[in-house]
Amino acid sequence: MKQYGRIMFVAESGTCRAPMAAGILEEYNLKRPVEIATRGLVVLFPEPLNQKAEAVMISNGTNMDGYMSTQLTEEDFTEETLVLTMERAQLEKILEKYERADPENVYVLTELVGEELEIIDPYGGPLQSYGLCYESLRRTILKLVNLLNGD
């Protein structure tokens, strides 16, 4: 796999799945130092973590104090940025909307690591849905770490 200097997780609002994924990845040791970022496809103004996502993250020892969502922009796309979406529809939206988005650097997270199912958006669901989302992200991120480290 190509070496990247930055990994960016992208989801709809950037307040739930993307920061969960980033928080989980930050817990692992990567063989190469990598900047980990998050973006939202629709961020009208910066928002803090979704409260249920934050509760699940805290209960799992993942801290994202002071987190605020950030809108995805053309400037976010560089040669050494790996962009990972939660759903195929998000990937397609990025490739349609952003001229600088290189299809060789934009993937659906689960597809990149060889899984078939997307990371389901728990928004509006009970706390348990957020917990299940976190667990599936943790399993997927572990596969991503192995892929990035060449294990």
N, C-alpha and C. Protein backbone atom coordinates (compact mmCIF):
# COMPACT_ATOMS: atom_id res chain seq x y z
N MET A 1 0.84 -1.19 0.00
CA MET A 1 0.00 0.00 0.00
C MET A 1 0.89 1.25 0.00
N LYS A 2 0.44 2.25 -0.72
CA LYS A 2 1.14 3.54 -0.79
C LYS A 2 1.31 4.13 0.62
N GLN A 3 2.40 4.85 0.84
CA GLN A 3 2.63 5.52 2.13
C GLN A 3 1.95 6.88 2.14
N TYR A 4 1.19 7.14 3.19
CA TYR A 4 0.48 8.41 3.31
C TYR A 4 0.98 9.18 4.52
N GLY A 5 0.98 10.51 4.43
CA GLY A 5 1.39 11.35 5.54
C GLY A 5 0.20 11.81 6.37
N ARG A 6 -1.00 11.67 5.77
CA ARG A 6 -2.21 12.09 6.48
C ARG A 6 -3.35 11.16 6.13
N ILE A 7 -4.13 10.81 7.14
CA ILE A 7 -5.32 9.99 6.94
C ILE A 7 -6.51 10.83 7.39
N MET A 8 -7.48 10.99 6.50
CA MET A 8 -8.64 11.80 6.81
C MET A 8 -9.91 10.96 6.72
N PHE A 9 -10.64 10.92 7.85
CA PHE A 9 -11.92 10.22 7.89
C PHE A 9 -13.01 11.22 7.57
N VAL A 10 -13.90 10.84 6.63
CA VAL A 10 -14.97 11.74 6.20
C VAL A 10 -16.31 11.04 6.35
N ALA A 11 -17.27 11.76 6.97
CA ALA A 11 -18.65 11.28 7.05
C ALA A 11 -19.57 12.48 6.82
N GLU A 12 -20.87 12.30 7.01
CA GLU A 12 -21.82 13.36 6.70
C GLU A 12 -21.55 14.66 7.44
N SER A 13 -21.74 14.66 8.76
CA SER A 13 -21.62 15.90 9.54
C SER A 13 -20.27 16.04 10.22
N GLY A 14 -19.50 14.95 10.29
CA GLY A 14 -18.21 15.00 10.96
C GLY A 14 -18.31 15.09 12.47
N THR A 15 -19.45 14.66 13.03
CA THR A 15 -19.60 14.73 14.49
C THR A 15 -19.75 13.37 15.16
N CYS A 16 -19.71 12.29 14.39
CA CYS A 16 -19.93 10.96 14.97
C CYS A 16 -18.94 9.92 14.47
N ARG A 17 -19.19 9.35 13.30
CA ARG A 17 -18.35 8.25 12.82
C ARG A 17 -16.92 8.67 12.52
N ALA A 18 -16.73 9.82 11.86
CA ALA A 18 -15.37 10.25 11.52
C ALA A 18 -14.52 10.47 12.77
N PRO A 19 -15.00 11.23 13.78
CA PRO A 19 -14.17 11.39 14.98
C PRO A 19 -14.00 10.09 15.77
N MET A 20 -15.00 9.21 15.74
CA MET A 20 -14.83 7.90 16.40
C MET A 20 -13.67 7.16 15.74
N ALA A 21 -13.68 7.11 14.41
CA ALA A 21 -12.63 6.41 13.67
C ALA A 21 -11.26 7.03 13.96
N ALA A 22 -11.19 8.36 13.96
CA ALA A 22 -9.92 9.05 14.21
C ALA A 22 -9.43 8.77 15.62
N GLY A 23 -10.33 8.82 16.59
CA GLY A 23 -9.95 8.57 17.98
C GLY A 23 -9.42 7.16 18.17
N ILE A 24 -10.05 6.20 17.51
CA ILE A 24 -9.61 4.80 17.61
C ILE A 24 -8.24 4.64 16.96
N LEU A 25 -8.06 5.21 15.76
CA LEU A 25 -6.77 5.07 15.06
C LEU A 25 -5.63 5.68 15.86
N GLU A 26 -5.91 6.79 16.54
CA GLU A 26 -4.87 7.45 17.33
C GLU A 26 -4.34 6.57 18.47
N GLU A 27 -5.12 5.57 18.87
CA GLU A 27 -4.71 4.69 19.96
C GLU A 27 -3.68 3.65 19.51
N TYR A 28 -3.55 3.45 18.21
CA TYR A 28 -2.64 2.42 17.70
C TYR A 28 -1.29 3.00 17.32
N ASN A 29 -0.28 2.17 17.37
CA ASN A 29 1.06 2.58 16.92
C ASN A 29 1.22 2.24 15.45
N LEU A 30 1.47 3.28 14.68
CA LEU A 30 1.74 3.07 13.26
C LEU A 30 3.25 3.13 13.06
N LYS A 31 3.74 2.34 12.10
CA LYS A 31 5.18 2.30 11.85
C LYS A 31 5.69 3.63 11.31
N ARG A 32 4.82 4.37 10.64
CA ARG A 32 5.17 5.70 10.11
C ARG A 32 4.28 6.73 10.76
N PRO A 33 4.86 7.88 11.17
CA PRO A 33 4.00 8.92 11.75
C PRO A 33 3.01 9.44 10.71
N VAL A 34 1.77 9.57 11.12
CA VAL A 34 0.71 9.99 10.21
C VAL A 34 -0.16 11.02 10.94
N GLU A 35 -0.51 12.08 10.24
CA GLU A 35 -1.47 13.04 10.79
C GLU A 35 -2.86 12.45 10.58
N ILE A 36 -3.69 12.50 11.62
CA ILE A 36 -5.04 11.95 11.53
C ILE A 36 -6.03 13.11 11.62
N ALA A 37 -6.92 13.21 10.63
CA ALA A 37 -7.86 14.32 10.57
C ALA A 37 -9.27 13.81 10.31
N THR A 38 -10.25 14.67 10.55
CA THR A 38 -11.65 14.34 10.23
C THR A 38 -12.27 15.51 9.48
N ARG A 39 -13.24 15.19 8.64
CA ARG A 39 -13.99 16.21 7.93
C ARG A 39 -15.43 15.74 7.78
N GLY A 40 -16.32 16.71 7.56
CA GLY A 40 -17.71 16.42 7.27
C GLY A 40 -18.04 16.88 5.86
N LEU A 41 -18.97 16.20 5.24
CA LEU A 41 -19.41 16.60 3.90
C LEU A 41 -20.37 17.79 3.96
N VAL A 42 -21.11 17.89 5.08
CA VAL A 42 -22.07 18.97 5.25
C VAL A 42 -21.88 19.57 6.64
N VAL A 43 -21.01 20.57 6.72
CA VAL A 43 -20.76 21.26 7.99
C VAL A 43 -21.05 22.74 7.76
N LEU A 44 -22.23 23.18 8.18
CA LEU A 44 -22.61 24.58 7.98
C LEU A 44 -21.89 25.48 8.98
N PHE A 45 -21.64 24.95 10.17
CA PHE A 45 -20.86 25.64 11.20
C PHE A 45 -20.24 24.56 12.07
N PRO A 46 -19.09 24.85 12.71
CA PRO A 46 -18.43 23.83 13.53
C PRO A 46 -19.33 23.36 14.68
N GLU A 47 -19.40 22.05 14.85
CA GLU A 47 -20.21 21.47 15.92
C GLU A 47 -19.35 20.52 16.75
N PRO A 48 -19.67 20.39 18.05
CA PRO A 48 -18.93 19.43 18.88
C PRO A 48 -19.36 18.00 18.55
N LEU A 49 -18.71 17.05 19.19
CA LEU A 49 -19.09 15.64 19.02
C LEU A 49 -20.56 15.43 19.34
N ASN A 50 -21.16 14.51 18.62
CA ASN A 50 -22.50 14.05 18.98
C ASN A 50 -22.42 13.52 20.41
N GLN A 51 -23.40 13.86 21.26
CA GLN A 51 -23.33 13.49 22.68
C GLN A 51 -23.28 11.98 22.91
N LYS A 52 -24.06 11.23 22.13
CA LYS A 52 -24.04 9.77 22.30
C LYS A 52 -22.71 9.18 21.83
N ALA A 53 -22.18 9.71 20.74
CA ALA A 53 -20.88 9.25 20.25
C ALA A 53 -19.82 9.55 21.30
N GLU A 54 -19.88 10.74 21.89
CA GLU A 54 -18.91 11.12 22.91
C GLU A 54 -19.00 10.20 24.13
N ALA A 55 -20.22 9.88 24.55
CA ALA A 55 -20.41 8.99 25.70
C ALA A 55 -19.80 7.62 25.44
N VAL A 56 -20.02 7.08 24.25
CA VAL A 56 -19.46 5.77 23.88
C VAL A 56 -17.93 5.84 23.84
N MET A 57 -17.41 6.91 23.28
CA MET A 57 -15.95 7.06 23.18
C MET A 57 -15.33 7.14 24.57
N ILE A 58 -15.91 7.96 25.44
CA ILE A 58 -15.39 8.10 26.80
C ILE A 58 -15.43 6.77 27.54
N SER A 59 -16.53 6.04 27.39
CA SER A 59 -16.66 4.75 28.09
C SER A 59 -15.64 3.73 27.57
N ASN A 60 -15.11 3.97 26.36
CA ASN A 60 -14.08 3.09 25.79
C ASN A 60 -12.68 3.68 25.94
N GLY A 61 -12.57 4.76 26.69
CA GLY A 61 -11.26 5.35 26.94
C GLY A 61 -10.71 6.21 25.82
N THR A 62 -11.57 6.60 24.88
CA THR A 62 -11.14 7.44 23.76
C THR A 62 -11.56 8.87 24.06
N ASN A 63 -10.59 9.78 24.10
CA ASN A 63 -10.89 11.16 24.46
C ASN A 63 -10.68 12.08 23.26
N MET A 64 -11.69 12.88 22.96
CA MET A 64 -11.60 13.86 21.87
C MET A 64 -11.99 15.23 22.42
N ASP A 65 -11.43 15.61 23.55
CA ASP A 65 -11.74 16.89 24.19
C ASP A 65 -11.62 18.06 23.23
N GLY A 66 -12.61 18.92 23.23
CA GLY A 66 -12.56 20.13 22.43
C GLY A 66 -12.76 19.91 20.94
N TYR A 67 -13.18 18.73 20.55
CA TYR A 67 -13.37 18.41 19.13
C TYR A 67 -14.47 19.29 18.52
N MET A 68 -14.22 19.78 17.31
CA MET A 68 -15.24 20.50 16.54
C MET A 68 -15.17 20.01 15.09
N SER A 69 -16.34 19.83 14.48
CA SER A 69 -16.39 19.35 13.10
C SER A 69 -15.86 20.42 12.14
N THR A 70 -15.32 19.96 11.00
CA THR A 70 -14.74 20.84 9.99
C THR A 70 -15.24 20.42 8.61
N GLN A 71 -15.59 21.39 7.78
CA GLN A 71 -16.06 21.12 6.42
C GLN A 71 -14.91 20.65 5.54
N LEU A 72 -15.16 19.64 4.72
CA LEU A 72 -14.20 19.16 3.72
C LEU A 72 -14.04 20.24 2.65
N THR A 73 -12.79 20.52 2.25
CA THR A 73 -12.53 21.53 1.21
C THR A 73 -11.57 20.97 0.16
N GLU A 74 -11.45 21.66 -0.96
CA GLU A 74 -10.52 21.25 -2.02
C GLU A 74 -9.09 21.12 -1.49
N GLU A 75 -8.72 22.03 -0.57
CA GLU A 75 -7.35 22.05 -0.03
C GLU A 75 -7.02 20.79 0.77
N ASP A 76 -8.05 20.07 1.21
CA ASP A 76 -7.82 18.85 1.99
C ASP A 76 -7.23 17.72 1.14
N PHE A 77 -7.37 17.82 -0.18
CA PHE A 77 -6.91 16.74 -1.05
C PHE A 77 -5.47 17.00 -1.50
N THR A 78 -4.56 16.15 -1.02
CA THR A 78 -3.17 16.23 -1.44
C THR A 78 -2.73 14.84 -1.86
N GLU A 79 -1.57 14.77 -2.50
CA GLU A 79 -1.02 13.48 -2.94
C GLU A 79 -0.82 12.52 -1.78
N GLU A 80 -0.48 13.06 -0.59
CA GLU A 80 -0.18 12.15 0.51
C GLU A 80 -1.30 12.05 1.54
N THR A 81 -2.53 12.41 1.12
CA THR A 81 -3.68 12.27 2.01
C THR A 81 -4.56 11.10 1.56
N LEU A 82 -4.75 10.17 2.47
CA LEU A 82 -5.67 9.04 2.25
C LEU A 82 -7.02 9.46 2.83
N VAL A 83 -8.03 9.51 1.98
CA VAL A 83 -9.37 9.92 2.41
C VAL A 83 -10.24 8.67 2.54
N LEU A 84 -10.81 8.47 3.72
CA LEU A 84 -11.63 7.28 4.00
C LEU A 84 -13.05 7.69 4.37
N THR A 85 -14.01 7.22 3.59
CA THR A 85 -15.42 7.51 3.88
C THR A 85 -16.06 6.33 4.59
N MET A 86 -17.24 6.56 5.13
CA MET A 86 -17.96 5.50 5.83
C MET A 86 -18.91 4.75 4.90
N GLU A 87 -19.30 5.40 3.81
CA GLU A 87 -20.29 4.83 2.88
C GLU A 87 -19.87 5.10 1.44
N ARG A 88 -20.29 4.24 0.54
CA ARG A 88 -20.00 4.41 -0.89
C ARG A 88 -20.60 5.72 -1.42
N ALA A 89 -21.79 6.08 -0.96
CA ALA A 89 -22.43 7.32 -1.44
C ALA A 89 -21.57 8.54 -1.12
N GLN A 90 -20.89 8.51 0.03
CA GLN A 90 -20.01 9.62 0.40
C GLN A 90 -18.80 9.68 -0.53
N LEU A 91 -18.23 8.55 -0.85
CA LEU A 91 -17.10 8.49 -1.77
C LEU A 91 -17.52 9.07 -3.13
N GLU A 92 -18.68 8.68 -3.61
CA GLU A 92 -19.14 9.16 -4.91
C GLU A 92 -19.37 10.66 -4.89
N LYS A 93 -19.93 11.17 -3.79
CA LYS A 93 -20.17 12.60 -3.64
C LYS A 93 -18.84 13.37 -3.69
N ILE A 94 -17.82 12.84 -3.02
CA ILE A 94 -16.51 13.48 -3.00
C ILE A 94 -15.91 13.53 -4.40
N LEU A 95 -15.96 12.41 -5.12
CA LEU A 95 -15.36 12.36 -6.46
C LEU A 95 -16.11 13.26 -7.44
N GLU A 96 -17.42 13.45 -7.23
CA GLU A 96 -18.21 14.34 -8.08
C GLU A 96 -17.94 15.80 -7.78
N LYS A 97 -17.86 16.13 -6.50
CA LYS A 97 -17.85 17.53 -6.05
C LYS A 97 -16.46 18.16 -5.99
N TYR A 98 -15.42 17.38 -5.73
CA TYR A 98 -14.10 17.94 -5.51
C TYR A 98 -13.14 17.59 -6.64
N GLU A 99 -12.70 18.60 -7.38
CA GLU A 99 -11.81 18.39 -8.52
C GLU A 99 -10.49 17.75 -8.12
N ARG A 100 -9.98 18.12 -6.94
CA ARG A 100 -8.66 17.64 -6.52
C ARG A 100 -8.71 16.23 -5.90
N ALA A 101 -9.90 15.68 -5.75
CA ALA A 101 -10.01 14.34 -5.17
C ALA A 101 -9.52 13.30 -6.18
N ASP A 102 -8.46 12.58 -5.81
CA ASP A 102 -7.87 11.56 -6.68
C ASP A 102 -8.49 10.20 -6.31
N PRO A 103 -9.15 9.55 -7.27
CA PRO A 103 -9.78 8.25 -6.97
C PRO A 103 -8.81 7.22 -6.39
N GLU A 104 -7.50 7.42 -6.61
CA GLU A 104 -6.53 6.48 -6.06
C GLU A 104 -6.24 6.76 -4.59
N ASN A 105 -6.75 7.87 -4.05
CA ASN A 105 -6.51 8.22 -2.65
C ASN A 105 -7.80 8.29 -1.84
N VAL A 106 -8.94 7.97 -2.45
CA VAL A 106 -10.23 8.04 -1.76
C VAL A 106 -10.88 6.66 -1.77
N TYR A 107 -11.19 6.17 -0.57
CA TYR A 107 -11.76 4.82 -0.43
C TYR A 107 -12.88 4.81 0.60
N VAL A 108 -13.74 3.80 0.47
CA VAL A 108 -14.67 3.49 1.55
C VAL A 108 -13.84 2.68 2.55
N LEU A 109 -13.82 3.11 3.79
CA LEU A 109 -12.98 2.48 4.83
C LEU A 109 -13.11 0.96 4.83
N THR A 110 -14.34 0.46 4.89
CA THR A 110 -14.54 -0.99 4.99
C THR A 110 -14.08 -1.71 3.73
N GLU A 111 -14.31 -1.11 2.55
CA GLU A 111 -13.89 -1.76 1.30
C GLU A 111 -12.36 -1.85 1.24
N LEU A 112 -11.69 -0.80 1.71
CA LEU A 112 -10.22 -0.78 1.68
C LEU A 112 -9.64 -1.95 2.47
N VAL A 113 -10.26 -2.30 3.59
CA VAL A 113 -9.73 -3.38 4.44
C VAL A 113 -10.36 -4.74 4.13
N GLY A 114 -11.17 -4.80 3.07
CA GLY A 114 -11.72 -6.09 2.63
C GLY A 114 -13.02 -6.51 3.28
N GLU A 115 -13.76 -5.57 3.84
CA GLU A 115 -15.07 -5.90 4.41
C GLU A 115 -16.16 -5.51 3.43
N GLU A 116 -17.30 -6.16 3.56
CA GLU A 116 -18.39 -5.89 2.61
C GLU A 116 -19.35 -4.81 3.10
N LEU A 117 -19.60 -4.76 4.40
CA LEU A 117 -20.61 -3.84 4.92
C LEU A 117 -20.02 -2.47 5.21
N GLU A 118 -20.83 -1.43 5.02
CA GLU A 118 -20.41 -0.07 5.34
C GLU A 118 -20.56 0.15 6.85
N ILE A 119 -20.00 1.25 7.35
CA ILE A 119 -20.18 1.63 8.75
C ILE A 119 -21.51 2.37 8.84
N ILE A 120 -22.48 1.75 9.48
CA ILE A 120 -23.84 2.31 9.54
C ILE A 120 -23.87 3.55 10.43
N ASP A 121 -24.60 4.57 9.98
CA ASP A 121 -24.75 5.81 10.74
C ASP A 121 -25.74 5.59 11.88
N PRO A 122 -25.29 5.74 13.13
CA PRO A 122 -26.20 5.50 14.26
C PRO A 122 -27.06 6.72 14.59
N TYR A 123 -26.89 7.84 13.86
CA TYR A 123 -27.55 9.09 14.20
C TYR A 123 -29.04 8.91 14.44
N GLY A 124 -29.50 9.40 15.57
CA GLY A 124 -30.92 9.33 15.91
C GLY A 124 -31.32 8.04 16.60
N GLY A 125 -30.40 7.08 16.64
CA GLY A 125 -30.71 5.80 17.28
C GLY A 125 -30.39 5.84 18.76
N PRO A 126 -30.68 4.73 19.46
CA PRO A 126 -30.37 4.66 20.89
C PRO A 126 -28.85 4.57 21.12
N LEU A 127 -28.43 4.79 22.34
CA LEU A 127 -27.02 4.73 22.70
C LEU A 127 -26.39 3.42 22.24
N GLN A 128 -27.14 2.33 22.32
CA GLN A 128 -26.65 1.02 21.91
C GLN A 128 -26.19 1.03 20.44
N SER A 129 -26.90 1.76 19.58
CA SER A 129 -26.52 1.84 18.16
C SER A 129 -25.14 2.48 18.01
N TYR A 130 -24.88 3.50 18.84
CA TYR A 130 -23.57 4.16 18.80
C TYR A 130 -22.49 3.21 19.30
N GLY A 131 -22.82 2.41 20.30
CA GLY A 131 -21.87 1.42 20.81
C GLY A 131 -21.53 0.39 19.75
N LEU A 132 -22.53 -0.08 19.02
CA LEU A 132 -22.31 -1.05 17.95
C LEU A 132 -21.47 -0.43 16.83
N CYS A 133 -21.74 0.83 16.52
CA CYS A 133 -20.97 1.55 15.50
C CYS A 133 -19.50 1.63 15.94
N TYR A 134 -19.27 1.97 17.19
CA TYR A 134 -17.91 2.07 17.73
C TYR A 134 -17.19 0.73 17.62
N GLU A 135 -17.88 -0.34 17.99
CA GLU A 135 -17.26 -1.68 17.92
C GLU A 135 -16.92 -2.07 16.49
N SER A 136 -17.81 -1.79 15.55
CA SER A 136 -17.49 -2.16 14.17
C SER A 136 -16.35 -1.28 13.64
N LEU A 137 -16.30 -0.01 14.07
CA LEU A 137 -15.17 0.84 13.68
C LEU A 137 -13.86 0.31 14.28
N ARG A 138 -13.90 -0.13 15.53
CA ARG A 138 -12.68 -0.63 16.18
C ARG A 138 -12.13 -1.84 15.41
N ARG A 139 -13.00 -2.77 15.03
CA ARG A 139 -12.56 -3.95 14.26
C ARG A 139 -11.98 -3.53 12.91
N THR A 140 -12.65 -2.59 12.26
CA THR A 140 -12.22 -2.14 10.93
C THR A 140 -10.90 -1.38 11.02
N ILE A 141 -10.76 -0.52 12.02
CA ILE A 141 -9.53 0.27 12.19
C ILE A 141 -8.34 -0.65 12.48
N LEU A 142 -8.55 -1.72 13.23
CA LEU A 142 -7.47 -2.67 13.49
C LEU A 142 -6.96 -3.25 12.16
N LYS A 143 -7.88 -3.58 11.26
CA LYS A 143 -7.49 -4.08 9.94
C LYS A 143 -6.74 -3.00 9.16
N LEU A 144 -7.19 -1.75 9.30
CA LEU A 144 -6.52 -0.63 8.63
C LEU A 144 -5.10 -0.47 9.15
N VAL A 145 -4.91 -0.56 10.45
CA VAL A 145 -3.58 -0.45 11.06
C VAL A 145 -2.66 -1.53 10.49
N ASN A 146 -3.15 -2.77 10.41
CA ASN A 146 -2.35 -3.85 9.86
C ASN A 146 -1.98 -3.59 8.40
N LEU A 147 -2.91 -3.03 7.66
CA LEU A 147 -2.68 -2.69 6.25
C LEU A 147 -1.63 -1.58 6.13
N LEU A 148 -1.77 -0.53 6.95
CA LEU A 148 -0.83 0.59 6.91
C LEU A 148 0.58 0.17 7.34
N ASN A 149 0.63 -0.73 8.33
CA ASN A 149 1.93 -1.19 8.84
C ASN A 149 2.52 -2.31 7.99
N GLY A 150 1.76 -2.79 7.01
CA GLY A 150 2.25 -3.86 6.13
C GLY A 150 2.33 -5.20 6.83
N ASP A 151 1.49 -5.41 7.87
CA ASP A 151 1.51 -6.69 8.61
C ASP A 151 0.71 -7.76 7.88
